[in-house]
Amino acid sequence: MVEFKLFKDTHGAIQGFELSGHANSGPYGHDLVCAAVSAVSFGTANSIMELCQIEPEIEQGAEGGYLKLLLPNRMSDEQRDKAQTLLQGMLVTFQTIEKDYHQYITIIEH
């Protein structure tokens, strides 16, 4: 199962996320949940770097199945707002995936 942890500050702003595990919803190369989670998470990370012009702290597992992204503490208001919009969009997408594939993905908000 994929575990999606969302890290929020005391004001509810998303500070980052951590993805771990494997969906195992299909055979290797045909796992649609894994493909969706990977595309959304890497797309969000790349969008944050490109559109917000920031370098978040990123950790990846060498064998796959793990991705962690944390926003930097120092950002302009514009960078922070853009990053929040992108991360909130990612959360909505994962919530949509979880509705149909709850046996393969779980969302935890901290």
PDB file of N, CA and C in Angstrom:
ATOM      1  N   MET A   1       0.836  -1.184   0.000  1.00  0.00           N
ATOM      2  CA  MET A   1       0.000   0.000   0.000  1.00  0.00           C
ATOM      3  C   MET A   1       0.882   1.250   0.000  1.00  0.00           C
ATOM      4  N   VAL A   2       0.434   2.258  -0.724  1.00  0.00           N
ATOM      5  CA  VAL A   2       1.122   3.550  -0.747  1.00  0.00           C
ATOM      6  C   VAL A   2       0.598   4.381   0.421  1.00  0.00           C
ATOM      7  N   GLU A   3       1.521   4.957   1.171  1.00  0.00           N
ATOM      8  CA  GLU A   3       1.156   5.852   2.264  1.00  0.00           C
ATOM      9  C   GLU A   3       1.600   7.260   1.883  1.00  0.00           C
ATOM     10  N   PHE A   4       0.643   8.175   1.854  1.00  0.00           N
ATOM     11  CA  PHE A   4       0.908   9.569   1.515  1.00  0.00           C
ATOM     12  C   PHE A   4       0.749  10.399   2.775  1.00  0.00           C
ATOM     13  N   LYS A   5       1.864  10.913   3.296  1.00  0.00           N
ATOM     14  CA  LYS A   5       1.839  11.760   4.490  1.00  0.00           C
ATOM     15  C   LYS A   5       1.994  13.209   4.059  1.00  0.00           C
ATOM     16  N   LEU A   6       1.125  14.032   4.567  1.00  0.00           N
ATOM     17  CA  LEU A   6       1.149  15.455   4.264  1.00  0.00           C
ATOM     18  C   LEU A   6       1.538  16.202   5.532  1.00  0.00           C
ATOM     19  N   PHE A   7       2.551  17.048   5.438  1.00  0.00           N
ATOM     20  CA  PHE A   7       3.021  17.812   6.591  1.00  0.00           C
ATOM     21  C   PHE A   7       2.485  19.239   6.503  1.00  0.00           C
ATOM     22  N   LYS A   8       1.796  19.670   7.572  1.00  0.00           N
ATOM     23  CA  LYS A   8       1.231  21.020   7.617  1.00  0.00           C
ATOM     24  C   LYS A   8       1.784  21.768   8.821  1.00  0.00           C
ATOM     25  N   ASP A   9       1.846  23.102   8.691  1.00  0.00           N
ATOM     26  CA  ASP A   9       2.260  23.911   9.834  1.00  0.00           C
ATOM     27  C   ASP A   9       1.037  24.219  10.708  1.00  0.00           C
ATOM     28  N   THR A  10       1.233  24.988  11.758  1.00  0.00           N
ATOM     29  CA  THR A  10       0.150  25.275  12.706  1.00  0.00           C
ATOM     30  C   THR A  10      -0.981  26.106  12.092  1.00  0.00           C
ATOM     31  N   HIS A  11      -0.719  26.733  10.952  1.00  0.00           N
ATOM     32  CA  HIS A  11      -1.742  27.529  10.264  1.00  0.00           C
ATOM     33  C   HIS A  11      -2.448  26.730   9.172  1.00  0.00           C
ATOM     34  N   GLY A  12      -2.055  25.462   8.996  1.00  0.00           N
ATOM     35  CA  GLY A  12      -2.677  24.611   7.990  1.00  0.00           C
ATOM     36  C   GLY A  12      -2.013  24.650   6.628  1.00  0.00           C
ATOM     37  N   ALA A  13      -0.936  25.415   6.491  1.00  0.00           N
ATOM     38  CA  ALA A  13      -0.216  25.469   5.211  1.00  0.00           C
ATOM     39  C   ALA A  13       0.594  24.183   5.031  1.00  0.00           C
ATOM     40  N   ILE A  14       0.598  23.669   3.832  1.00  0.00           N
ATOM     41  CA  ILE A  14       1.332  22.440   3.531  1.00  0.00           C
ATOM     42  C   ILE A  14       2.820  22.757   3.452  1.00  0.00           C
ATOM     43  N   GLN A  15       3.609  22.030   4.225  1.00  0.00           N
ATOM     44  CA  GLN A  15       5.062  22.220   4.249  1.00  0.00           C
ATOM     45  C   GLN A  15       5.798  21.179   3.413  1.00  0.00           C
ATOM     46  N   GLY A  16       5.117  20.080   3.098  1.00  0.00           N
ATOM     47  CA  GLY A  16       5.749  19.034   2.304  1.00  0.00           C
ATOM     48  C   GLY A  16       4.952  17.751   2.382  1.00  0.00           C
ATOM     49  N   PHE A  17       5.544  16.702   1.815  1.00  0.00           N
ATOM     50  CA  PHE A  17       4.874  15.404   1.802  1.00  0.00           C
ATOM     51  C   PHE A  17       5.907  14.285   1.772  1.00  0.00           C
ATOM     52  N   GLU A  18       5.430  13.096   2.104  1.00  0.00           N
ATOM     53  CA  GLU A  18       6.257  11.897   2.045  1.00  0.00           C
ATOM     54  C   GLU A  18       5.404  10.768   1.483  1.00  0.00           C
ATOM     55  N   LEU A  19       5.898  10.121   0.457  1.00  0.00           N
ATOM     56  CA  LEU A  19       5.242   8.965  -0.145  1.00  0.00           C
ATOM     57  C   LEU A  19       6.107   7.747   0.104  1.00  0.00           C
ATOM     58  N   SER A  20       5.484   6.659   0.540  1.00  0.00           N
ATOM     59  CA  SER A  20       6.251   5.436   0.731  1.00  0.00           C
ATOM     60  C   SER A  20       5.378   4.227   0.425  1.00  0.00           C
ATOM     61  N   GLY A  21       6.032   3.153   0.027  1.00  0.00           N
ATOM     62  CA  GLY A  21       5.338   1.906  -0.248  1.00  0.00           C
ATOM     63  C   GLY A  21       5.042   1.709  -1.718  1.00  0.00           C
ATOM     64  N   HIS A  22       4.400   0.590  -1.995  1.00  0.00           N
ATOM     65  CA  HIS A  22       4.030   0.226  -3.361  1.00  0.00           C
ATOM     66  C   HIS A  22       2.548  -0.134  -3.383  1.00  0.00           C
ATOM     67  N   ALA A  23       1.860   0.265  -4.425  1.00  0.00           N
ATOM     68  CA  ALA A  23       0.428   0.004  -4.528  1.00  0.00           C
ATOM     69  C   ALA A  23       0.140  -1.478  -4.766  1.00  0.00           C
ATOM     70  N   ASN A  24       0.920  -2.101  -5.631  1.00  0.00           N
ATOM     71  CA  ASN A  24       0.692  -3.507  -5.996  1.00  0.00           C
ATOM     72  C   ASN A  24      -0.739  -3.737  -6.480  1.00  0.00           C
ATOM     73  N   SER A  25      -1.258  -2.790  -7.260  1.00  0.00           N
ATOM     74  CA  SER A  25      -2.614  -2.931  -7.786  1.00  0.00           C
ATOM     75  C   SER A  25      -2.638  -3.673  -9.119  1.00  0.00           C
ATOM     76  N   GLY A  26      -1.460  -4.023  -9.614  1.00  0.00           N
ATOM     77  CA  GLY A  26      -1.350  -4.767 -10.863  1.00  0.00           C
ATOM     78  C   GLY A  26       0.070  -5.258 -11.016  1.00  0.00           C
ATOM     79  N   PRO A  27       0.318  -6.070 -12.037  1.00  0.00           N
ATOM     80  CA  PRO A  27       1.680  -6.565 -12.248  1.00  0.00           C
ATOM     81  C   PRO A  27       2.639  -5.424 -12.590  1.00  0.00           C
ATOM     82  N   TYR A  28       3.926  -5.662 -12.347  1.00  0.00           N
ATOM     83  CA  TYR A  28       4.951  -4.657 -12.630  1.00  0.00           C
ATOM     84  C   TYR A  28       4.784  -4.137 -14.055  1.00  0.00           C
ATOM     85  N   GLY A  29       4.787  -2.837 -14.196  1.00  0.00           N
ATOM     86  CA  GLY A  29       4.618  -2.212 -15.499  1.00  0.00           C
ATOM     87  C   GLY A  29       3.169  -1.969 -15.879  1.00  0.00           C
ATOM     88  N   HIS A  30       2.234  -2.515 -15.096  1.00  0.00           N
ATOM     89  CA  HIS A  30       0.804  -2.348 -15.377  1.00  0.00           C
ATOM     90  C   HIS A  30       0.035  -1.909 -14.137  1.00  0.00           C
ATOM     91  N   ASP A  31       0.749  -1.348 -13.173  1.00  0.00           N
ATOM     92  CA  ASP A  31       0.155  -0.902 -11.915  1.00  0.00           C
ATOM     93  C   ASP A  31      -0.313   0.543 -12.093  1.00  0.00           C
ATOM     94  N   LEU A  32      -1.613   0.709 -12.355  1.00  0.00           N
ATOM     95  CA  LEU A  32      -2.153   2.037 -12.654  1.00  0.00           C
ATOM     96  C   LEU A  32      -2.098   2.983 -11.460  1.00  0.00           C
ATOM     97  N   VAL A  33      -2.306   2.470 -10.255  1.00  0.00           N
ATOM     98  CA  VAL A  33      -2.247   3.329  -9.072  1.00  0.00           C
ATOM     99  C   VAL A  33      -0.826   3.840  -8.875  1.00  0.00           C
ATOM    100  N   CYS A  34       0.148   2.954  -9.009  1.00  0.00           N
ATOM    101  CA  CYS A  34       1.551   3.358  -8.878  1.00  0.00           C
ATOM    102  C   CYS A  34       1.910   4.405  -9.938  1.00  0.00           C
ATOM    103  N   ALA A  35       1.463   4.174 -11.154  1.00  0.00           N
ATOM    104  CA  ALA A  35       1.758   5.119 -12.236  1.00  0.00           C
ATOM    105  C   ALA A  35       1.131   6.486 -11.956  1.00  0.00           C
ATOM    106  N   ALA A  36      -0.098   6.489 -11.474  1.00  0.00           N
ATOM    107  CA  ALA A  36      -0.777   7.751 -11.176  1.00  0.00           C
ATOM    108  C   ALA A  36      -0.085   8.495 -10.041  1.00  0.00           C
ATOM    109  N   VAL A  37       0.236   7.783  -8.967  1.00  0.00           N
ATOM    110  CA  VAL A  37       0.894   8.399  -7.815  1.00  0.00           C
ATOM    111  C   VAL A  37       2.253   8.958  -8.217  1.00  0.00           C
ATOM    112  N   SER A  38       2.998   8.198  -8.994  1.00  0.00           N
ATOM    113  CA  SER A  38       4.320   8.655  -9.442  1.00  0.00           C
ATOM    114  C   SER A  38       4.207   9.896 -10.316  1.00  0.00           C
ATOM    115  N   ALA A  39       3.292   9.863 -11.280  1.00  0.00           N
ATOM    116  CA  ALA A  39       3.140  10.995 -12.194  1.00  0.00           C
ATOM    117  C   ALA A  39       2.727  12.262 -11.446  1.00  0.00           C
ATOM    118  N   VAL A  40       1.780  12.137 -10.538  1.00  0.00           N
ATOM    119  CA  VAL A  40       1.293  13.306  -9.803  1.00  0.00           C
ATOM    120  C   VAL A  40       2.373  13.857  -8.873  1.00  0.00           C
ATOM    121  N   SER A  41       3.046  12.978  -8.134  1.00  0.00           N
ATOM    122  CA  SER A  41       4.042  13.455  -7.162  1.00  0.00           C
ATOM    123  C   SER A  41       5.265  14.057  -7.841  1.00  0.00           C
ATOM    124  N   PHE A  42       5.792  13.395  -8.866  1.00  0.00           N
ATOM    125  CA  PHE A  42       6.958  13.951  -9.561  1.00  0.00           C
ATOM    126  C   PHE A  42       6.578  15.192 -10.365  1.00  0.00           C
ATOM    127  N   GLY A  43       5.377  15.195 -10.931  1.00  0.00           N
ATOM    128  CA  GLY A  43       4.911  16.382 -11.642  1.00  0.00           C
ATOM    129  C   GLY A  43       4.773  17.578 -10.721  1.00  0.00           C
ATOM    130  N   THR A  44       4.276  17.343  -9.514  1.00  0.00           N
ATOM    131  CA  THR A  44       4.155  18.422  -8.535  1.00  0.00           C
ATOM    132  C   THR A  44       5.529  18.925  -8.114  1.00  0.00           C
ATOM    133  N   ALA A  45       6.445  18.010  -7.827  1.00  0.00           N
ATOM    134  CA  ALA A  45       7.808  18.408  -7.433  1.00  0.00           C
ATOM    135  C   ALA A  45       8.464  19.231  -8.534  1.00  0.00           C
ATOM    136  N   ASN A  46       8.371  18.768  -9.771  1.00  0.00           N
ATOM    137  CA  ASN A  46       8.967  19.498 -10.896  1.00  0.00           C
ATOM    138  C   ASN A  46       8.296  20.856 -11.094  1.00  0.00           C
ATOM    139  N   SER A  47       6.985  20.917 -10.920  1.00  0.00           N
ATOM    140  CA  SER A  47       6.261  22.182 -11.068  1.00  0.00           C
ATOM    141  C   SER A  47       6.659  23.179  -9.991  1.00  0.00           C
ATOM    142  N   ILE A  48       6.842  22.705  -8.768  1.00  0.00           N
ATOM    143  CA  ILE A  48       7.277  23.594  -7.686  1.00  0.00           C
ATOM    144  C   ILE A  48       8.636  24.194  -8.016  1.00  0.00           C
ATOM    145  N   MET A  49       9.555  23.359  -8.479  1.00  0.00           N
ATOM    146  CA  MET A  49      10.896  23.866  -8.803  1.00  0.00           C
ATOM    147  C   MET A  49      10.860  24.848  -9.972  1.00  0.00           C
ATOM    148  N   GLU A  50      10.104  24.525 -11.008  1.00  0.00           N
ATOM    149  CA  GLU A  50      10.082  25.347 -12.219  1.00  0.00           C
ATOM    150  C   GLU A  50       9.246  26.617 -12.045  1.00  0.00           C
ATOM    151  N   LEU A  51       8.029  26.482 -11.554  1.00  0.00           N
ATOM    152  CA  LEU A  51       7.109  27.618 -11.499  1.00  0.00           C
ATOM    153  C   LEU A  51       7.328  28.526 -10.295  1.00  0.00           C
ATOM    154  N   CYS A  52       7.819  27.954  -9.198  1.00  0.00           N
ATOM    155  CA  CYS A  52       8.061  28.752  -7.987  1.00  0.00           C
ATOM    156  C   CYS A  52       9.503  29.212  -7.886  1.00  0.00           C
ATOM    157  N   GLN A  53      10.358  28.642  -8.729  1.00  0.00           N
ATOM    158  CA  GLN A  53      11.789  28.978  -8.707  1.00  0.00           C
ATOM    159  C   GLN A  53      12.389  28.788  -7.313  1.00  0.00           C
ATOM    160  N   ILE A  54      12.085  27.632  -6.713  1.00  0.00           N
ATOM    161  CA  ILE A  54      12.658  27.276  -5.416  1.00  0.00           C
ATOM    162  C   ILE A  54      13.251  25.878  -5.504  1.00  0.00           C
ATOM    163  N   GLU A  55      14.131  25.577  -4.592  1.00  0.00           N
ATOM    164  CA  GLU A  55      14.745  24.253  -4.507  1.00  0.00           C
ATOM    165  C   GLU A  55      14.304  23.597  -3.205  1.00  0.00           C
ATOM    166  N   PRO A  56      13.248  22.789  -3.256  1.00  0.00           N
ATOM    167  CA  PRO A  56      12.828  22.103  -2.040  1.00  0.00           C
ATOM    168  C   PRO A  56      13.834  21.010  -1.672  1.00  0.00           C
ATOM    169  N   GLU A  57      13.784  20.593  -0.427  1.00  0.00           N
ATOM    170  CA  GLU A  57      14.591  19.448   0.008  1.00  0.00           C
ATOM    171  C   GLU A  57      13.881  18.193  -0.490  1.00  0.00           C
ATOM    172  N   ILE A  58      14.585  17.371  -1.255  1.00  0.00           N
ATOM    173  CA  ILE A  58      13.979  16.167  -1.829  1.00  0.00           C
ATOM    174  C   ILE A  58      14.822  14.952  -1.481  1.00  0.00           C
ATOM    175  N   GLU A  59      14.148  13.890  -1.043  1.00  0.00           N
ATOM    176  CA  GLU A  59      14.782  12.594  -0.808  1.00  0.00           C
ATOM    177  C   GLU A  59      14.041  11.559  -1.643  1.00  0.00           C
ATOM    178  N   GLN A  60      14.800  10.665  -2.282  1.00  0.00           N
ATOM    179  CA  GLN A  60      14.208   9.589  -3.068  1.00  0.00           C
ATOM    180  C   GLN A  60      14.833   8.268  -2.672  1.00  0.00           C
ATOM    181  N   GLY A  61      14.040   7.210  -2.722  1.00  0.00           N
ATOM    182  CA  GLY A  61      14.565   5.876  -2.496  1.00  0.00           C
ATOM    183  C   GLY A  61      15.272   5.383  -3.740  1.00  0.00           C
ATOM    184  N   ALA A  62      16.420   4.760  -3.571  1.00  0.00           N
ATOM    185  CA  ALA A  62      17.202   4.268  -4.710  1.00  0.00           C
ATOM    186  C   ALA A  62      16.439   3.219  -5.513  1.00  0.00           C
ATOM    187  N   GLU A  63      15.609   2.445  -4.846  1.00  0.00           N
ATOM    188  CA  GLU A  63      14.854   1.380  -5.511  1.00  0.00           C
ATOM    189  C   GLU A  63      13.408   1.787  -5.792  1.00  0.00           C
ATOM    190  N   GLY A  64      13.104   3.059  -5.672  1.00  0.00           N
ATOM    191  CA  GLY A  64      11.730   3.514  -5.860  1.00  0.00           C
ATOM    192  C   GLY A  64      10.913   3.300  -4.595  1.00  0.00           C
ATOM    193  N   GLY A  65       9.663   3.675  -4.643  1.00  0.00           N
ATOM    194  CA  GLY A  65       8.784   3.468  -3.502  1.00  0.00           C
ATOM    195  C   GLY A  65       8.949   4.475  -2.378  1.00  0.00           C
ATOM    196  N   TYR A  66       9.730   5.546  -2.605  1.00  0.00           N
ATOM    197  CA  TYR A  66       9.898   6.555  -1.561  1.00  0.00           C
ATOM    198  C   TYR A  66      10.228   7.903  -2.188  1.00  0.00           C
ATOM    199  N   LEU A  67       9.489   8.927  -1.761  1.00  0.00           N
ATOM    200  CA  LEU A  67       9.756  10.303  -2.174  1.00  0.00           C
ATOM    201  C   LEU A  67       9.325  11.225  -1.039  1.00  0.00           C
ATOM    202  N   LYS A  68      10.217  12.111  -0.660  1.00  0.00           N
ATOM    203  CA  LYS A  68       9.900  13.111   0.368  1.00  0.00           C
ATOM    204  C   LYS A  68      10.289  14.478  -0.157  1.00  0.00           C
ATOM    205  N   LEU A  69       9.401  15.450   0.005  1.00  0.00           N
ATOM    206  CA  LEU A  69       9.654  16.820  -0.416  1.00  0.00           C
ATOM    207  C   LEU A  69       9.284  17.749   0.731  1.00  0.00           C
ATOM    208  N   LEU A  70      10.196  18.652   1.071  1.00  0.00           N
ATOM    209  CA  LEU A  70       9.942  19.681   2.078  1.00  0.00           C
ATOM    210  C   LEU A  70      10.256  21.043   1.480  1.00  0.00           C
ATOM    211  N   LEU A  71       9.343  21.978   1.645  1.00  0.00           N
ATOM    212  CA  LEU A  71       9.563  23.330   1.142  1.00  0.00           C
ATOM    213  C   LEU A  71      10.635  24.023   1.975  1.00  0.00           C
ATOM    214  N   PRO A  72      11.387  24.932   1.356  1.00  0.00           N
ATOM    215  CA  PRO A  72      12.369  25.694   2.133  1.00  0.00           C
ATOM    216  C   PRO A  72      11.656  26.674   3.069  1.00  0.00           C
ATOM    217  N   ASN A  73      12.322  27.042   4.141  1.00  0.00           N
ATOM    218  CA  ASN A  73      11.733  27.999   5.088  1.00  0.00           C
ATOM    219  C   ASN A  73      11.668  29.401   4.502  1.00  0.00           C
ATOM    220  N   ARG A  74      12.650  29.745   3.679  1.00  0.00           N
ATOM    221  CA  ARG A  74      12.713  31.105   3.125  1.00  0.00           C
ATOM    222  C   ARG A  74      12.146  31.111   1.709  1.00  0.00           C
ATOM    223  N   MET A  75      10.989  31.732   1.569  1.00  0.00           N
ATOM    224  CA  MET A  75      10.341  31.909   0.270  1.00  0.00           C
ATOM    225  C   MET A  75       9.626  33.249   0.290  1.00  0.00           C
ATOM    226  N   SER A  76       9.479  33.834  -0.881  1.00  0.00           N
ATOM    227  CA  SER A  76       8.670  35.050  -0.975  1.00  0.00           C
ATOM    228  C   SER A  76       7.196  34.657  -0.825  1.00  0.00           C
ATOM    229  N   ASP A  77       6.348  35.638  -0.578  1.00  0.00           N
ATOM    230  CA  ASP A  77       4.912  35.366  -0.476  1.00  0.00           C
ATOM    231  C   ASP A  77       4.386  34.758  -1.769  1.00  0.00           C
ATOM    232  N   GLU A  78       4.876  35.255  -2.902  1.00  0.00           N
ATOM    233  CA  GLU A  78       4.435  34.733  -4.199  1.00  0.00           C
ATOM    234  C   GLU A  78       4.857  33.274  -4.369  1.00  0.00           C
ATOM    235  N   GLN A  79       6.091  32.954  -4.025  1.00  0.00           N
ATOM    236  CA  GLN A  79       6.559  31.568  -4.119  1.00  0.00           C
ATOM    237  C   GLN A  79       5.740  30.661  -3.207  1.00  0.00           C
ATOM    238  N   ARG A  80       5.488  31.118  -1.992  1.00  0.00           N
ATOM    239  CA  ARG A  80       4.721  30.327  -1.024  1.00  0.00           C
ATOM    240  C   ARG A  80       3.299  30.084  -1.532  1.00  0.00           C
ATOM    241  N   ASP A  81       2.659  31.123  -2.069  1.00  0.00           N
ATOM    242  CA  ASP A  81       1.291  30.989  -2.584  1.00  0.00           C
ATOM    243  C   ASP A  81       1.233  30.007  -3.749  1.00  0.00           C
ATOM    244  N   LYS A  82       2.174  30.115  -4.673  1.00  0.00           N
ATOM    245  CA  LYS A  82       2.207  29.194  -5.816  1.00  0.00           C
ATOM    246  C   LYS A  82       2.435  27.763  -5.354  1.00  0.00           C
ATOM    247  N   ALA A  83       3.384  27.582  -4.432  1.00  0.00           N
ATOM    248  CA  ALA A  83       3.680  26.236  -3.928  1.00  0.00           C
ATOM    249  C   ALA A  83       2.455  25.648  -3.228  1.00  0.00           C
ATOM    250  N   GLN A  84       1.734  26.470  -2.459  1.00  0.00           N
ATOM    251  CA  GLN A  84       0.532  25.989  -1.777  1.00  0.00           C
ATOM    252  C   GLN A  84      -0.519  25.530  -2.779  1.00  0.00           C
ATOM    253  N   THR A  85      -0.712  26.302  -3.830  1.00  0.00           N
ATOM    254  CA  THR A  85      -1.693  25.934  -4.848  1.00  0.00           C
ATOM    255  C   THR A  85      -1.321  24.599  -5.492  1.00  0.00           C
ATOM    256  N   LEU A  86      -0.053  24.425  -5.825  1.00  0.00           N
ATOM    257  CA  LEU A  86       0.392  23.173  -6.439  1.00  0.00           C
ATOM    258  C   LEU A  86       0.235  21.995  -5.477  1.00  0.00           C
ATOM    259  N   LEU A  87       0.608  22.173  -4.223  1.00  0.00           N
ATOM    260  CA  LEU A  87       0.500  21.086  -3.242  1.00  0.00           C
ATOM    261  C   LEU A  87      -0.959  20.767  -2.909  1.00  0.00           C
ATOM    262  N   GLN A  88      -1.815  21.785  -2.849  1.00  0.00           N
ATOM    263  CA  GLN A  88      -3.236  21.539  -2.609  1.00  0.00           C
ATOM    264  C   GLN A  88      -3.859  20.794  -3.791  1.00  0.00           C
ATOM    265  N   GLY A  89      -3.430  21.140  -5.000  1.00  0.00           N
ATOM    266  CA  GLY A  89      -3.898  20.415  -6.180  1.00  0.00           C
ATOM    267  C   GLY A  89      -3.481  18.955  -6.141  1.00  0.00           C
ATOM    268  N   MET A  90      -2.249  18.697  -5.698  1.00  0.00           N
ATOM    269  CA  MET A  90      -1.776  17.324  -5.565  1.00  0.00           C
ATOM    270  C   MET A  90      -2.627  16.570  -4.546  1.00  0.00           C
ATOM    271  N   LEU A  91      -2.939  17.211  -3.416  1.00  0.00           N
ATOM    272  CA  LEU A  91      -3.764  16.568  -2.393  1.00  0.00           C
ATOM    273  C   LEU A  91      -5.143  16.209  -2.950  1.00  0.00           C
ATOM    274  N   VAL A  92      -5.771  17.119  -3.670  1.00  0.00           N
ATOM    275  CA  VAL A  92      -7.085  16.845  -4.259  1.00  0.00           C
ATOM    276  C   VAL A  92      -6.997  15.647  -5.209  1.00  0.00           C
ATOM    277  N   THR A  93      -5.939  15.587  -6.003  1.00  0.00           N
ATOM    278  CA  THR A  93      -5.763  14.467  -6.926  1.00  0.00           C
ATOM    279  C   THR A  93      -5.606  13.155  -6.169  1.00  0.00           C
ATOM    280  N   PHE A  94      -4.791  13.145  -5.116  1.00  0.00           N
ATOM    281  CA  PHE A  94      -4.624  11.921  -4.323  1.00  0.00           C
ATOM    282  C   PHE A  94      -5.921  11.531  -3.615  1.00  0.00           C
ATOM    283  N   GLN A  95      -6.698  12.504  -3.163  1.00  0.00           N
ATOM    284  CA  GLN A  95      -7.990  12.193  -2.540  1.00  0.00           C
ATOM    285  C   GLN A  95      -8.929  11.546  -3.554  1.00  0.00           C
ATOM    286  N   THR A  96      -8.870  11.997  -4.792  1.00  0.00           N
ATOM    287  CA  THR A  96      -9.679  11.407  -5.853  1.00  0.00           C
ATOM    288  C   THR A  96      -9.247   9.970  -6.119  1.00  0.00           C
ATOM    289  N   ILE A  97      -7.942   9.739  -6.179  1.00  0.00           N
ATOM    290  CA  ILE A  97      -7.424   8.374  -6.370  1.00  0.00           C
ATOM    291  C   ILE A  97      -7.842   7.500  -5.188  1.00  0.00           C
ATOM    292  N   GLU A  98      -7.732   8.035  -3.977  1.00  0.00           N
ATOM    293  CA  GLU A  98      -8.069   7.260  -2.775  1.00  0.00           C
ATOM    294  C   GLU A  98      -9.544   6.850  -2.763  1.00  0.00           C
ATOM    295  N   LYS A  99     -10.436   7.679  -3.283  1.00  0.00           N
ATOM    296  CA  LYS A  99     -11.863   7.341  -3.305  1.00  0.00           C
ATOM    297  C   LYS A  99     -12.112   6.043  -4.062  1.00  0.00           C
ATOM    298  N   ASP A 100     -11.448   5.881  -5.192  1.00  0.00           N
ATOM    299  CA  ASP A 100     -11.669   4.699  -6.026  1.00  0.00           C
ATOM    300  C   ASP A 100     -10.730   3.544  -5.714  1.00  0.00           C
ATOM    301  N   TYR A 101      -9.588   3.833  -5.116  1.00  0.00           N
ATOM    302  CA  TYR A 101      -8.561   2.806  -4.894  1.00  0.00           C
ATOM    303  C   TYR A 101      -8.074   2.817  -3.445  1.00  0.00           C
ATOM    304  N   HIS A 102      -9.005   2.959  -2.502  1.00  0.00           N
ATOM    305  CA  HIS A 102      -8.645   3.079  -1.082  1.00  0.00           C
ATOM    306  C   HIS A 102      -7.878   1.874  -0.547  1.00  0.00           C
ATOM    307  N   GLN A 103      -7.993   0.745  -1.197  1.00  0.00           N
ATOM    308  CA  GLN A 103      -7.256  -0.433  -0.741  1.00  0.00           C
ATOM    309  C   GLN A 103      -5.776  -0.368  -1.119  1.00  0.00           C
ATOM    310  N   TYR A 104      -5.395   0.620  -1.944  1.00  0.00           N
ATOM    311  CA  TYR A 104      -4.013   0.729  -2.413  1.00  0.00           C
ATOM    312  C   TYR A 104      -3.292   1.994  -1.944  1.00  0.00           C
ATOM    313  N   ILE A 105      -4.037   2.976  -1.433  1.00  0.00           N
ATOM    314  CA  ILE A 105      -3.419   4.237  -1.011  1.00  0.00           C
ATOM    315  C   ILE A 105      -4.145   4.785   0.217  1.00  0.00           C
ATOM    316  N   THR A 106      -3.372   5.325   1.134  1.00  0.00           N
ATOM    317  CA  THR A 106      -3.948   5.968   2.313  1.00  0.00           C
ATOM    318  C   THR A 106      -3.304   7.340   2.493  1.00  0.00           C
ATOM    319  N   ILE A 107      -4.099   8.305   2.929  1.00  0.00           N
ATOM    320  CA  ILE A 107      -3.624   9.677   3.129  1.00  0.00           C
ATOM    321  C   ILE A 107      -3.619   9.981   4.622  1.00  0.00           C
ATOM    322  N   ILE A 108      -2.478  10.485   5.096  1.00  0.00           N
ATOM    323  CA  ILE A 108      -2.325  10.866   6.500  1.00  0.00           C
ATOM    324  C   ILE A 108      -1.892  12.326   6.526  1.00  0.00           C
ATOM    325  N   GLU A 109      -2.637  13.152   7.255  1.00  0.00           N
ATOM    326  CA  GLU A 109      -2.284  14.569   7.362  1.00  0.00           C
ATOM    327  C   GLU A 109      -1.737  14.848   8.753  1.00  0.00           C
ATOM    328  N   HIS A 110      -0.545  15.428   8.821  1.00  0.00           N
ATOM    329  CA  HIS A 110       0.104  15.781  10.097  1.00  0.00           C
ATOM    330  C   HIS A 110       0.038  17.279  10.291  1.00  0.00           C
TER     331      HIS A 110
END
